[in-house]
Amino acid sequence: MKDDEKLIGTCGFNSWNVAFRSTVIGYDINRQYWGNGYITEALKHIIKIAFDGKLGCDIINRIQADTIPGNIASEKVLLKLGFSEEGIRRQSAFWKNEYHDLKCFSLLRDEYT
């Protein structure tokens, strides 16, 4: 939080592939702060950084984000920011001793406004 510097979540680049000119972003926020627009605000900054070349790499063409299928709130955030739904990546993640599907979203440079 800006007022007291309290950490309420995370948002950033999970991977960066210069050869593919793409990056994958991720985010998570404490449940008590859901629905306040904090993730939307943070993602706007991350997207701008990626496409504006603020990290010394001005060739990024694609930003990808994944959600757990059924996480409607997270999907709405990505769609509001201009991401397109690409589909389900079957069993593409592993945690708690089992495989999980992920829903893939992307935003291309020429779609960014």
PDB file of N, CA and C in Angstrom:
ATOM      1  N   MET A   1       0.840  -1.171   0.000  1.00  0.00           N
ATOM      2  CA  MET A   1       0.000   0.000   0.000  1.00  0.00           C
ATOM      3  C   MET A   1       0.889   1.240   0.000  1.00  0.00           C
ATOM      4  N   LYS A   2       0.492   2.234  -0.742  1.00  0.00           N
ATOM      5  CA  LYS A   2       1.306   3.445  -0.850  1.00  0.00           C
ATOM      6  C   LYS A   2       1.441   4.161   0.489  1.00  0.00           C
ATOM      7  N   ASP A   3       0.360   4.178   1.272  1.00  0.00           N
ATOM      8  CA  ASP A   3       0.367   4.945   2.509  1.00  0.00           C
ATOM      9  C   ASP A   3       1.327   4.397   3.566  1.00  0.00           C
ATOM     10  N   ASP A   4       1.355   3.081   3.723  1.00  0.00           N
ATOM     11  CA  ASP A   4       2.174   2.502   4.788  1.00  0.00           C
ATOM     12  C   ASP A   4       3.199   1.480   4.294  1.00  0.00           C
ATOM     13  N   GLU A   5       3.374   1.381   2.976  1.00  0.00           N
ATOM     14  CA  GLU A   5       4.322   0.472   2.351  1.00  0.00           C
ATOM     15  C   GLU A   5       4.063  -0.987   2.707  1.00  0.00           C
ATOM     16  N   LYS A   6       2.817  -1.318   3.025  1.00  0.00           N
ATOM     17  CA  LYS A   6       2.429  -2.688   3.352  1.00  0.00           C
ATOM     18  C   LYS A   6       2.329  -3.511   2.072  1.00  0.00           C
ATOM     19  N   LEU A   7       2.924  -4.712   2.087  1.00  0.00           N
ATOM     20  CA  LEU A   7       2.859  -5.614   0.951  1.00  0.00           C
ATOM     21  C   LEU A   7       1.510  -6.331   0.964  1.00  0.00           C
ATOM     22  N   ILE A   8       0.725  -6.135  -0.085  1.00  0.00           N
ATOM     23  CA  ILE A   8      -0.596  -6.767  -0.165  1.00  0.00           C
ATOM     24  C   ILE A   8      -0.673  -7.795  -1.290  1.00  0.00           C
ATOM     25  N   GLY A   9       0.386  -7.890  -2.093  1.00  0.00           N
ATOM     26  CA  GLY A   9       0.401  -8.843  -3.194  1.00  0.00           C
ATOM     27  C   GLY A   9       1.668  -8.691  -4.010  1.00  0.00           C
ATOM     28  N   THR A  10       1.690  -9.409  -5.128  1.00  0.00           N
ATOM     29  CA  THR A  10       2.839  -9.339  -6.021  1.00  0.00           C
ATOM     30  C   THR A  10       2.359  -9.186  -7.460  1.00  0.00           C
ATOM     31  N   CYS A  11       3.212  -8.634  -8.280  1.00  0.00           N
ATOM     32  CA  CYS A  11       2.916  -8.470  -9.698  1.00  0.00           C
ATOM     33  C   CYS A  11       4.247  -8.273 -10.406  1.00  0.00           C
ATOM     34  N   GLY A  12       4.455  -9.036 -11.467  1.00  0.00           N
ATOM     35  CA  GLY A  12       5.722  -8.868 -12.167  1.00  0.00           C
ATOM     36  C   GLY A  12       5.882  -9.821 -13.323  1.00  0.00           C
ATOM     37  N   PHE A  13       7.111  -9.899 -13.808  1.00  0.00           N
ATOM     38  CA  PHE A  13       7.449 -10.732 -14.944  1.00  0.00           C
ATOM     39  C   PHE A  13       7.890 -12.111 -14.444  1.00  0.00           C
ATOM     40  N   ASN A  14       7.182 -13.158 -14.874  1.00  0.00           N
ATOM     41  CA  ASN A  14       7.546 -14.520 -14.490  1.00  0.00           C
ATOM     42  C   ASN A  14       8.647 -15.061 -15.385  1.00  0.00           C
ATOM     43  N   SER A  15       8.616 -14.675 -16.642  1.00  0.00           N
ATOM     44  CA  SER A  15       9.676 -15.074 -17.566  1.00  0.00           C
ATOM     45  C   SER A  15       9.777 -14.037 -18.673  1.00  0.00           C
ATOM     46  N   TRP A  16      10.939 -14.029 -19.302  1.00  0.00           N
ATOM     47  CA  TRP A  16      11.240 -13.035 -20.331  1.00  0.00           C
ATOM     48  C   TRP A  16      12.028 -13.754 -21.406  1.00  0.00           C
ATOM     49  N   ASN A  17      11.542 -13.766 -22.637  1.00  0.00           N
ATOM     50  CA  ASN A  17      12.228 -14.473 -23.709  1.00  0.00           C
ATOM     51  C   ASN A  17      12.545 -13.483 -24.835  1.00  0.00           C
ATOM     52  N   VAL A  18      13.779 -13.017 -24.855  1.00  0.00           N
ATOM     53  CA  VAL A  18      14.189 -12.025 -25.847  1.00  0.00           C
ATOM     54  C   VAL A  18      14.125 -12.615 -27.254  1.00  0.00           C
ATOM     55  N   ALA A  19      14.526 -13.868 -27.422  1.00  0.00           N
ATOM     56  CA  ALA A  19      14.506 -14.491 -28.752  1.00  0.00           C
ATOM     57  C   ALA A  19      13.081 -14.565 -29.310  1.00  0.00           C
ATOM     58  N   PHE A  20      12.116 -14.854 -28.458  1.00  0.00           N
ATOM     59  CA  PHE A  20      10.717 -14.939 -28.892  1.00  0.00           C
ATOM     60  C   PHE A  20      10.006 -13.588 -28.809  1.00  0.00           C
ATOM     61  N   ARG A  21      10.692 -12.593 -28.241  1.00  0.00           N
ATOM     62  CA  ARG A  21      10.126 -11.250 -28.072  1.00  0.00           C
ATOM     63  C   ARG A  21       8.827 -11.295 -27.271  1.00  0.00           C
ATOM     64  N   SER A  22       8.864 -12.050 -26.173  1.00  0.00           N
ATOM     65  CA  SER A  22       7.665 -12.210 -25.361  1.00  0.00           C
ATOM     66  C   SER A  22       8.014 -12.288 -23.882  1.00  0.00           C
ATOM     67  N   THR A  23       7.000 -12.077 -23.064  1.00  0.00           N
ATOM     68  CA  THR A  23       7.135 -12.183 -21.625  1.00  0.00           C
ATOM     69  C   THR A  23       5.854 -12.759 -21.050  1.00  0.00           C
ATOM     70  N   VAL A  24       5.987 -13.376 -19.899  1.00  0.00           N
ATOM     71  CA  VAL A  24       4.833 -13.891 -19.165  1.00  0.00           C
ATOM     72  C   VAL A  24       4.766 -13.129 -17.851  1.00  0.00           C
ATOM     73  N   ILE A  25       3.583 -12.598 -17.543  1.00  0.00           N
ATOM     74  CA  ILE A  25       3.404 -11.862 -16.293  1.00  0.00           C
ATOM     75  C   ILE A  25       2.549 -12.681 -15.337  1.00  0.00           C
ATOM     76  N   GLY A  26       2.697 -12.370 -14.068  1.00  0.00           N
ATOM     77  CA  GLY A  26       1.902 -13.016 -13.044  1.00  0.00           C
ATOM     78  C   GLY A  26       1.568 -12.042 -11.933  1.00  0.00           C
ATOM     79  N   TYR A  27       0.545 -12.372 -11.179  1.00  0.00           N
ATOM     80  CA  TYR A  27       0.109 -11.494 -10.099  1.00  0.00           C
ATOM     81  C   TYR A  27      -0.678 -12.290  -9.082  1.00  0.00           C
ATOM     82  N   ASP A  28      -0.689 -11.773  -7.861  1.00  0.00           N
ATOM     83  CA  ASP A  28      -1.406 -12.390  -6.767  1.00  0.00           C
ATOM     84  C   ASP A  28      -1.640 -11.308  -5.725  1.00  0.00           C
ATOM     85  N   ILE A  29      -2.789 -11.339  -5.094  1.00  0.00           N
ATOM     86  CA  ILE A  29      -3.099 -10.322  -4.092  1.00  0.00           C
ATOM     87  C   ILE A  29      -3.841 -10.969  -2.927  1.00  0.00           C
ATOM     88  N   ASN A  30      -3.575 -10.477  -1.737  1.00  0.00           N
ATOM     89  CA  ASN A  30      -4.244 -10.960  -0.537  1.00  0.00           C
ATOM     90  C   ASN A  30      -5.755 -10.816  -0.698  1.00  0.00           C
ATOM     91  N   ARG A  31      -6.480 -11.850  -0.334  1.00  0.00           N
ATOM     92  CA  ARG A  31      -7.932 -11.904  -0.537  1.00  0.00           C
ATOM     93  C   ARG A  31      -8.667 -10.676   0.026  1.00  0.00           C
ATOM     94  N   GLN A  32      -8.205 -10.132   1.122  1.00  0.00           N
ATOM     95  CA  GLN A  32      -8.920  -8.999   1.718  1.00  0.00           C
ATOM     96  C   GLN A  32      -8.859  -7.734   0.851  1.00  0.00           C
ATOM     97  N   TYR A  33      -7.986  -7.731  -0.169  1.00  0.00           N
ATOM     98  CA  TYR A  33      -7.860  -6.567  -1.046  1.00  0.00           C
ATOM     99  C   TYR A  33      -8.471  -6.801  -2.433  1.00  0.00           C
ATOM    100  N   TRP A  34      -9.105  -7.957  -2.634  1.00  0.00           N
ATOM    101  CA  TRP A  34      -9.751  -8.242  -3.914  1.00  0.00           C
ATOM    102  C   TRP A  34     -10.822  -7.209  -4.215  1.00  0.00           C
ATOM    103  N   GLY A  35     -10.983  -6.892  -5.483  1.00  0.00           N
ATOM    104  CA  GLY A  35     -12.073  -6.031  -5.931  1.00  0.00           C
ATOM    105  C   GLY A  35     -11.857  -4.543  -5.742  1.00  0.00           C
ATOM    106  N   ASN A  36     -10.648  -4.136  -5.410  1.00  0.00           N
ATOM    107  CA  ASN A  36     -10.363  -2.715  -5.190  1.00  0.00           C
ATOM    108  C   ASN A  36      -9.604  -2.065  -6.334  1.00  0.00           C
ATOM    109  N   GLY A  37      -9.297  -2.823  -7.377  1.00  0.00           N
ATOM    110  CA  GLY A  37      -8.601  -2.268  -8.532  1.00  0.00           C
ATOM    111  C   GLY A  37      -7.087  -2.240  -8.424  1.00  0.00           C
ATOM    112  N   TYR A  38      -6.542  -2.803  -7.353  1.00  0.00           N
ATOM    113  CA  TYR A  38      -5.089  -2.755  -7.172  1.00  0.00           C
ATOM    114  C   TYR A  38      -4.347  -3.557  -8.245  1.00  0.00           C
ATOM    115  N   ILE A  39      -4.849  -4.726  -8.579  1.00  0.00           N
ATOM    116  CA  ILE A  39      -4.180  -5.541  -9.594  1.00  0.00           C
ATOM    117  C   ILE A  39      -4.271  -4.866 -10.959  1.00  0.00           C
ATOM    118  N   THR A  40      -5.419  -4.304 -11.274  1.00  0.00           N
ATOM    119  CA  THR A  40      -5.567  -3.593 -12.547  1.00  0.00           C
ATOM    120  C   THR A  40      -4.538  -2.471 -12.633  1.00  0.00           C
ATOM    121  N   GLU A  41      -4.412  -1.705 -11.561  1.00  0.00           N
ATOM    122  CA  GLU A  41      -3.452  -0.599 -11.529  1.00  0.00           C
ATOM    123  C   GLU A  41      -2.020  -1.106 -11.698  1.00  0.00           C
ATOM    124  N   ALA A  42      -1.675  -2.164 -10.991  1.00  0.00           N
ATOM    125  CA  ALA A  42      -0.318  -2.708 -11.077  1.00  0.00           C
ATOM    126  C   ALA A  42      -0.031  -3.269 -12.476  1.00  0.00           C
ATOM    127  N   LEU A  43      -1.002  -3.979 -13.045  1.00  0.00           N
ATOM    128  CA  LEU A  43      -0.807  -4.551 -14.370  1.00  0.00           C
ATOM    129  C   LEU A  43      -0.639  -3.478 -15.442  1.00  0.00           C
ATOM    130  N   LYS A  44      -1.341  -2.374 -15.315  1.00  0.00           N
ATOM    131  CA  LYS A  44      -1.162  -1.271 -16.273  1.00  0.00           C
ATOM    132  C   LYS A  44       0.294  -0.823 -16.300  1.00  0.00           C
ATOM    133  N   HIS A  45       0.914  -0.741 -15.133  1.00  0.00           N
ATOM    134  CA  HIS A  45       2.323  -0.331 -15.059  1.00  0.00           C
ATOM    135  C   HIS A  45       3.242  -1.396 -15.657  1.00  0.00           C
ATOM    136  N   ILE A  46       2.988  -2.656 -15.356  1.00  0.00           N
ATOM    137  CA  ILE A  46       3.807  -3.747 -15.881  1.00  0.00           C
ATOM    138  C   ILE A  46       3.728  -3.803 -17.409  1.00  0.00           C
ATOM    139  N   ILE A  47       2.524  -3.671 -17.930  1.00  0.00           N
ATOM    140  CA  ILE A  47       2.331  -3.700 -19.389  1.00  0.00           C
ATOM    141  C   ILE A  47       3.072  -2.549 -20.054  1.00  0.00           C
ATOM    142  N   LYS A  48       2.957  -1.358 -19.480  1.00  0.00           N
ATOM    143  CA  LYS A  48       3.637  -0.184 -20.026  1.00  0.00           C
ATOM    144  C   LYS A  48       5.154  -0.387 -20.015  1.00  0.00           C
ATOM    145  N   ILE A  49       5.673  -0.912 -18.929  1.00  0.00           N
ATOM    146  CA  ILE A  49       7.106  -1.177 -18.828  1.00  0.00           C
ATOM    147  C   ILE A  49       7.546  -2.148 -19.929  1.00  0.00           C
ATOM    148  N   ALA A  50       6.770  -3.192 -20.138  1.00  0.00           N
ATOM    149  CA  ALA A  50       7.140  -4.201 -21.145  1.00  0.00           C
ATOM    150  C   ALA A  50       7.156  -3.621 -22.552  1.00  0.00           C
ATOM    151  N   PHE A  51       6.108  -2.893 -22.913  1.00  0.00           N
ATOM    152  CA  PHE A  51       6.008  -2.392 -24.285  1.00  0.00           C
ATOM    153  C   PHE A  51       6.796  -1.107 -24.527  1.00  0.00           C
ATOM    154  N   ASP A  52       7.112  -0.370 -23.481  1.00  0.00           N
ATOM    155  CA  ASP A  52       7.880   0.867 -23.648  1.00  0.00           C
ATOM    156  C   ASP A  52       9.385   0.645 -23.597  1.00  0.00           C
ATOM    157  N   GLY A  53       9.818  -0.586 -23.411  1.00  0.00           N
ATOM    158  CA  GLY A  53      11.249  -0.876 -23.407  1.00  0.00           C
ATOM    159  C   GLY A  53      11.978  -0.359 -22.195  1.00  0.00           C
ATOM    160  N   LYS A  54      11.293  -0.210 -21.075  1.00  0.00           N
ATOM    161  CA  LYS A  54      11.913   0.340 -19.864  1.00  0.00           C
ATOM    162  C   LYS A  54      12.905  -0.622 -19.214  1.00  0.00           C
ATOM    163  N   LEU A  55      12.938  -1.856 -19.663  1.00  0.00           N
ATOM    164  CA  LEU A  55      13.867  -2.825 -19.087  1.00  0.00           C
ATOM    165  C   LEU A  55      15.046  -3.090 -20.014  1.00  0.00           C
ATOM    166  N   GLY A  56      15.277  -2.181 -20.949  1.00  0.00           N
ATOM    167  CA  GLY A  56      16.408  -2.321 -21.852  1.00  0.00           C
ATOM    168  C   GLY A  56      16.145  -3.270 -23.013  1.00  0.00           C
ATOM    169  N   CYS A  57      14.891  -3.609 -23.227  1.00  0.00           N
ATOM    170  CA  CYS A  57      14.539  -4.518 -24.319  1.00  0.00           C
ATOM    171  C   CYS A  57      13.267  -3.987 -24.963  1.00  0.00           C
ATOM    172  N   ASP A  58      13.416  -3.257 -26.056  1.00  0.00           N
ATOM    173  CA  ASP A  58      12.246  -2.609 -26.660  1.00  0.00           C
ATOM    174  C   ASP A  58      11.627  -3.440 -27.780  1.00  0.00           C
ATOM    175  N   ILE A  59      11.873  -4.740 -27.780  1.00  0.00           N
ATOM    176  CA  ILE A  59      11.370  -5.573 -28.865  1.00  0.00           C
ATOM    177  C   ILE A  59      10.236  -6.502 -28.428  1.00  0.00           C
ATOM    178  N   ILE A  60       9.726  -6.339 -27.226  1.00  0.00           N
ATOM    179  CA  ILE A  60       8.657  -7.224 -26.754  1.00  0.00           C
ATOM    180  C   ILE A  60       7.412  -7.012 -27.609  1.00  0.00           C
ATOM    181  N   ASN A  61       6.892  -8.093 -28.131  1.00  0.00           N
ATOM    182  CA  ASN A  61       5.701  -8.060 -28.971  1.00  0.00           C
ATOM    183  C   ASN A  61       4.495  -8.703 -28.298  1.00  0.00           C
ATOM    184  N   ARG A  62       4.732  -9.602 -27.341  1.00  0.00           N
ATOM    185  CA  ARG A  62       3.638 -10.370 -26.750  1.00  0.00           C
ATOM    186  C   ARG A  62       3.798 -10.474 -25.239  1.00  0.00           C
ATOM    187  N   ILE A  63       2.692 -10.225 -24.535  1.00  0.00           N
ATOM    188  CA  ILE A  63       2.628 -10.450 -23.092  1.00  0.00           C
ATOM    189  C   ILE A  63       1.584 -11.538 -22.863  1.00  0.00           C
ATOM    190  N   GLN A  64       1.964 -12.526 -22.099  1.00  0.00           N
ATOM    191  CA  GLN A  64       1.049 -13.620 -21.784  1.00  0.00           C
ATOM    192  C   GLN A  64       0.752 -13.622 -20.292  1.00  0.00           C
ATOM    193  N   ALA A  65      -0.479 -13.986 -19.939  1.00  0.00           N
ATOM    194  CA  ALA A  65      -0.886 -14.169 -18.548  1.00  0.00           C
ATOM    195  C   ALA A  65      -1.778 -15.396 -18.485  1.00  0.00           C
ATOM    196  N   ASP A  66      -1.645 -16.160 -17.424  1.00  0.00           N
ATOM    197  CA  ASP A  66      -2.438 -17.367 -17.248  1.00  0.00           C
ATOM    198  C   ASP A  66      -3.289 -17.244 -15.991  1.00  0.00           C
ATOM    199  N   THR A  67      -4.487 -17.818 -16.055  1.00  0.00           N
ATOM    200  CA  THR A  67      -5.353 -17.871 -14.887  1.00  0.00           C
ATOM    201  C   THR A  67      -5.765 -19.320 -14.641  1.00  0.00           C
ATOM    202  N   ILE A  68      -6.232 -19.576 -13.453  1.00  0.00           N
ATOM    203  CA  ILE A  68      -6.830 -20.874 -13.158  1.00  0.00           C
ATOM    204  C   ILE A  68      -8.248 -20.827 -13.719  1.00  0.00           C
ATOM    205  N   PRO A  69      -8.643 -21.799 -14.543  1.00  0.00           N
ATOM    206  CA  PRO A  69     -10.002 -21.789 -15.086  1.00  0.00           C
ATOM    207  C   PRO A  69     -11.040 -21.629 -13.968  1.00  0.00           C
ATOM    208  N   GLY A  70     -11.969 -20.721 -14.188  1.00  0.00           N
ATOM    209  CA  GLY A  70     -12.983 -20.438 -13.186  1.00  0.00           C
ATOM    210  C   GLY A  70     -12.697 -19.205 -12.355  1.00  0.00           C
ATOM    211  N   ASN A  71     -11.484 -18.644 -12.480  1.00  0.00           N
ATOM    212  CA  ASN A  71     -11.159 -17.416 -11.751  1.00  0.00           C
ATOM    213  C   ASN A  71     -11.680 -16.237 -12.578  1.00  0.00           C
ATOM    214  N   ILE A  72     -12.974 -16.025 -12.498  1.00  0.00           N
ATOM    215  CA  ILE A  72     -13.665 -15.035 -13.324  1.00  0.00           C
ATOM    216  C   ILE A  72     -13.135 -13.622 -13.064  1.00  0.00           C
ATOM    217  N   ALA A  73     -12.858 -13.285 -11.812  1.00  0.00           N
ATOM    218  CA  ALA A  73     -12.374 -11.938 -11.491  1.00  0.00           C
ATOM    219  C   ALA A  73     -11.056 -11.649 -12.191  1.00  0.00           C
ATOM    220  N   SER A  74     -10.144 -12.604 -12.177  1.00  0.00           N
ATOM    221  CA  SER A  74      -8.857 -12.413 -12.835  1.00  0.00           C
ATOM    222  C   SER A  74      -9.022 -12.326 -14.350  1.00  0.00           C
ATOM    223  N   GLU A  75      -9.896 -13.148 -14.892  1.00  0.00           N
ATOM    224  CA  GLU A  75     -10.167 -13.096 -16.331  1.00  0.00           C
ATOM    225  C   GLU A  75     -10.727 -11.737 -16.731  1.00  0.00           C
ATOM    226  N   LYS A  76     -11.626 -11.192 -15.929  1.00  0.00           N
ATOM    227  CA  LYS A  76     -12.211  -9.878 -16.219  1.00  0.00           C
ATOM    228  C   LYS A  76     -11.154  -8.789 -16.228  1.00  0.00           C
ATOM    229  N   VAL A  77     -10.217  -8.855 -15.303  1.00  0.00           N
ATOM    230  CA  VAL A  77      -9.136  -7.871 -15.256  1.00  0.00           C
ATOM    231  C   VAL A  77      -8.341  -7.905 -16.551  1.00  0.00           C
ATOM    232  N   LEU A  78      -7.957  -9.089 -16.985  1.00  0.00           N
ATOM    233  CA  LEU A  78      -7.157  -9.211 -18.202  1.00  0.00           C
ATOM    234  C   LEU A  78      -7.927  -8.742 -19.424  1.00  0.00           C
ATOM    235  N   LEU A  79      -9.185  -9.115 -19.520  1.00  0.00           N
ATOM    236  CA  LEU A  79     -10.000  -8.687 -20.668  1.00  0.00           C
ATOM    237  C   LEU A  79     -10.172  -7.170 -20.675  1.00  0.00           C
ATOM    238  N   LYS A  80     -10.363  -6.578 -19.496  1.00  0.00           N
ATOM    239  CA  LYS A  80     -10.503  -5.122 -19.387  1.00  0.00           C
ATOM    240  C   LYS A  80      -9.239  -4.405 -19.865  1.00  0.00           C
ATOM    241  N   LEU A  81      -8.098  -5.045 -19.674  1.00  0.00           N
ATOM    242  CA  LEU A  81      -6.825  -4.452 -20.080  1.00  0.00           C
ATOM    243  C   LEU A  81      -6.471  -4.742 -21.537  1.00  0.00           C
ATOM    244  N   GLY A  82      -7.372  -5.411 -22.261  1.00  0.00           N
ATOM    245  CA  GLY A  82      -7.156  -5.632 -23.689  1.00  0.00           C
ATOM    246  C   GLY A  82      -6.620  -6.998 -24.067  1.00  0.00           C
ATOM    247  N   PHE A  83      -6.420  -7.879 -23.091  1.00  0.00           N
ATOM    248  CA  PHE A  83      -5.935  -9.223 -23.390  1.00  0.00           C
ATOM    249  C   PHE A  83      -7.015 -10.015 -24.113  1.00  0.00           C
ATOM    250  N   SER A  84      -6.586 -10.965 -24.922  1.00  0.00           N
ATOM    251  CA  SER A  84      -7.486 -11.887 -25.614  1.00  0.00           C
ATOM    252  C   SER A  84      -7.328 -13.273 -25.018  1.00  0.00           C
ATOM    253  N   GLU A  85      -8.441 -13.957 -24.873  1.00  0.00           N
ATOM    254  CA  GLU A  85      -8.394 -15.326 -24.382  1.00  0.00           C
ATOM    255  C   GLU A  85      -7.946 -16.246 -25.513  1.00  0.00           C
ATOM    256  N   GLU A  86      -6.964 -17.081 -25.249  1.00  0.00           N
ATOM    257  CA  GLU A  86      -6.446 -17.992 -26.264  1.00  0.00           C
ATOM    258  C   GLU A  86      -6.922 -19.419 -26.061  1.00  0.00           C
ATOM    259  N   GLY A  87      -7.220 -19.802 -24.843  1.00  0.00           N
ATOM    260  CA  GLY A  87      -7.684 -21.162 -24.599  1.00  0.00           C
ATOM    261  C   GLY A  87      -7.038 -21.798 -23.392  1.00  0.00           C
ATOM    262  N   ILE A  88      -7.338 -23.064 -23.219  1.00  0.00           N
ATOM    263  CA  ILE A  88      -6.841 -23.828 -22.073  1.00  0.00           C
ATOM    264  C   ILE A  88      -5.549 -24.543 -22.443  1.00  0.00           C
ATOM    265  N   ARG A  89      -4.575 -24.388 -21.595  1.00  0.00           N
ATOM    266  CA  ARG A  89      -3.335 -25.162 -21.716  1.00  0.00           C
ATOM    267  C   ARG A  89      -3.459 -26.306 -20.706  1.00  0.00           C
ATOM    268  N   ARG A  90      -3.708 -27.478 -21.215  1.00  0.00           N
ATOM    269  CA  ARG A  90      -4.014 -28.624 -20.369  1.00  0.00           C
ATOM    270  C   ARG A  90      -2.813 -29.091 -19.556  1.00  0.00           C
ATOM    271  N   GLN A  91      -3.056 -29.277 -18.269  1.00  0.00           N
ATOM    272  CA  GLN A  91      -2.063 -29.780 -17.322  1.00  0.00           C
ATOM    273  C   GLN A  91      -0.706 -29.100 -17.490  1.00  0.00           C
ATOM    274  N   SER A  92      -0.722 -27.799 -17.619  1.00  0.00           N
ATOM    275  CA  SER A  92       0.527 -27.070 -17.856  1.00  0.00           C
ATOM    276  C   SER A  92       1.176 -26.551 -16.580  1.00  0.00           C
ATOM    277  N   ALA A  93       0.565 -26.829 -15.429  1.00  0.00           N
ATOM    278  CA  ALA A  93       1.140 -26.396 -14.158  1.00  0.00           C
ATOM    279  C   ALA A  93       1.063 -27.545 -13.154  1.00  0.00           C
ATOM    280  N   PHE A  94       1.954 -27.503 -12.177  1.00  0.00           N
ATOM    281  CA  PHE A  94       1.986 -28.565 -11.175  1.00  0.00           C
ATOM    282  C   PHE A  94       2.184 -27.933  -9.799  1.00  0.00           C
ATOM    283  N   TRP A  95       1.230 -28.128  -8.921  1.00  0.00           N
ATOM    284  CA  TRP A  95       1.361 -27.723  -7.529  1.00  0.00           C
ATOM    285  C   TRP A  95       0.441 -28.592  -6.682  1.00  0.00           C
ATOM    286  N   LYS A  96       0.736 -28.631  -5.387  1.00  0.00           N
ATOM    287  CA  LYS A  96      -0.004 -29.479  -4.438  1.00  0.00           C
ATOM    288  C   LYS A  96      -0.110 -30.918  -4.946  1.00  0.00           C
ATOM    289  N   ASN A  97       0.988 -31.367  -5.532  1.00  0.00           N
ATOM    290  CA  ASN A  97       1.128 -32.754  -5.961  1.00  0.00           C
ATOM    291  C   ASN A  97       0.168 -33.189  -7.074  1.00  0.00           C
ATOM    292  N   GLU A  98      -0.299 -32.239  -7.875  1.00  0.00           N
ATOM    293  CA  GLU A  98      -1.147 -32.603  -9.011  1.00  0.00           C
ATOM    294  C   GLU A  98      -1.010 -31.577 -10.133  1.00  0.00           C
ATOM    295  N   TYR A  99      -1.400 -32.002 -11.332  1.00  0.00           N
ATOM    296  CA  TYR A  99      -1.352 -31.141 -12.510  1.00  0.00           C
ATOM    297  C   TYR A  99      -2.628 -30.312 -12.590  1.00  0.00           C
ATOM    298  N   HIS A 100      -2.481 -29.088 -13.139  1.00  0.00           N
ATOM    299  CA  HIS A 100      -3.608 -28.168 -13.266  1.00  0.00           C
ATOM    300  C   HIS A 100      -3.627 -27.556 -14.657  1.00  0.00           C
ATOM    301  N   ASP A 101      -4.825 -27.344 -15.170  1.00  0.00           N
ATOM    302  CA  ASP A 101      -4.999 -26.616 -16.420  1.00  0.00           C
ATOM    303  C   ASP A 101      -4.837 -25.124 -16.146  1.00  0.00           C
ATOM    304  N   LEU A 102      -4.415 -24.395 -17.151  1.00  0.00           N
ATOM    305  CA  LEU A 102      -4.350 -22.938 -17.073  1.00  0.00           C
ATOM    306  C   LEU A 102      -5.037 -22.348 -18.294  1.00  0.00           C
ATOM    307  N   LYS A 103      -5.728 -21.236 -18.082  1.00  0.00           N
ATOM    308  CA  LYS A 103      -6.347 -20.514 -19.193  1.00  0.00           C
ATOM    309  C   LYS A 103      -5.378 -19.424 -19.623  1.00  0.00           C
ATOM    310  N   CYS A 104      -5.059 -19.406 -20.901  1.00  0.00           N
ATOM    311  CA  CYS A 104      -4.038 -18.514 -21.438  1.00  0.00           C
ATOM    312  C   CYS A 104      -4.673 -17.258 -22.056  1.00  0.00           C
ATOM    313  N   PHE A 105      -4.100 -16.114 -21.747  1.00  0.00           N
ATOM    314  CA  PHE A 105      -4.501 -14.823 -22.306  1.00  0.00           C
ATOM    315  C   PHE A 105      -3.253 -14.143 -22.855  1.00  0.00           C
ATOM    316  N   SER A 106      -3.431 -13.305 -23.886  1.00  0.00           N
ATOM    317  CA  SER A 106      -2.281 -12.584 -24.427  1.00  0.00           C
ATOM    318  C   SER A 106      -2.678 -11.178 -24.863  1.00  0.00           C
ATOM    319  N   LEU A 107      -1.666 -10.322 -24.878  1.00  0.00           N
ATOM    320  CA  LEU A 107      -1.803  -8.962 -25.380  1.00  0.00           C
ATOM    321  C   LEU A 107      -0.624  -8.713 -26.305  1.00  0.00           C
ATOM    322  N   LEU A 108      -0.904  -8.311 -27.538  1.00  0.00           N
ATOM    323  CA  LEU A 108       0.141  -8.032 -28.513  1.00  0.00           C
ATOM    324  C   LEU A 108       0.439  -6.541 -28.569  1.00  0.00           C
ATOM    325  N   ARG A 109       1.656  -6.220 -28.945  1.00  0.00           N
ATOM    326  CA  ARG A 109       2.076  -4.810 -29.006  1.00  0.00           C
ATOM    327  C   ARG A 109       1.112  -3.958 -29.825  1.00  0.00           C
ATOM    328  N   ASP A 110       0.680  -4.443 -30.981  1.00  0.00           N
ATOM    329  CA  ASP A 110      -0.176  -3.617 -31.837  1.00  0.00           C
ATOM    330  C   ASP A 110      -1.613  -3.520 -31.316  1.00  0.00           C
ATOM    331  N   GLU A 111      -1.943  -4.263 -30.247  1.00  0.00           N
ATOM    332  CA  GLU A 111      -3.251  -4.138 -29.599  1.00  0.00           C
ATOM    333  C   GLU A 111      -3.212  -3.205 -28.397  1.00  0.00           C
ATOM    334  N   TYR A 112      -2.017  -2.854 -27.971  1.00  0.00           N
ATOM    335  CA  TYR A 112      -1.815  -2.038 -26.773  1.00  0.00           C
ATOM    336  C   TYR A 112      -2.142  -0.578 -27.062  1.00  0.00           C
ATOM    337  N   THR A 113      -2.972   0.006 -26.190  1.00  0.00           N
ATOM    338  CA  THR A 113      -3.303   1.430 -26.331  1.00  0.00           C
ATOM    339  C   THR A 113      -2.964   2.187 -25.083  1.00  0.00           C
TER     340      THR A 113
END
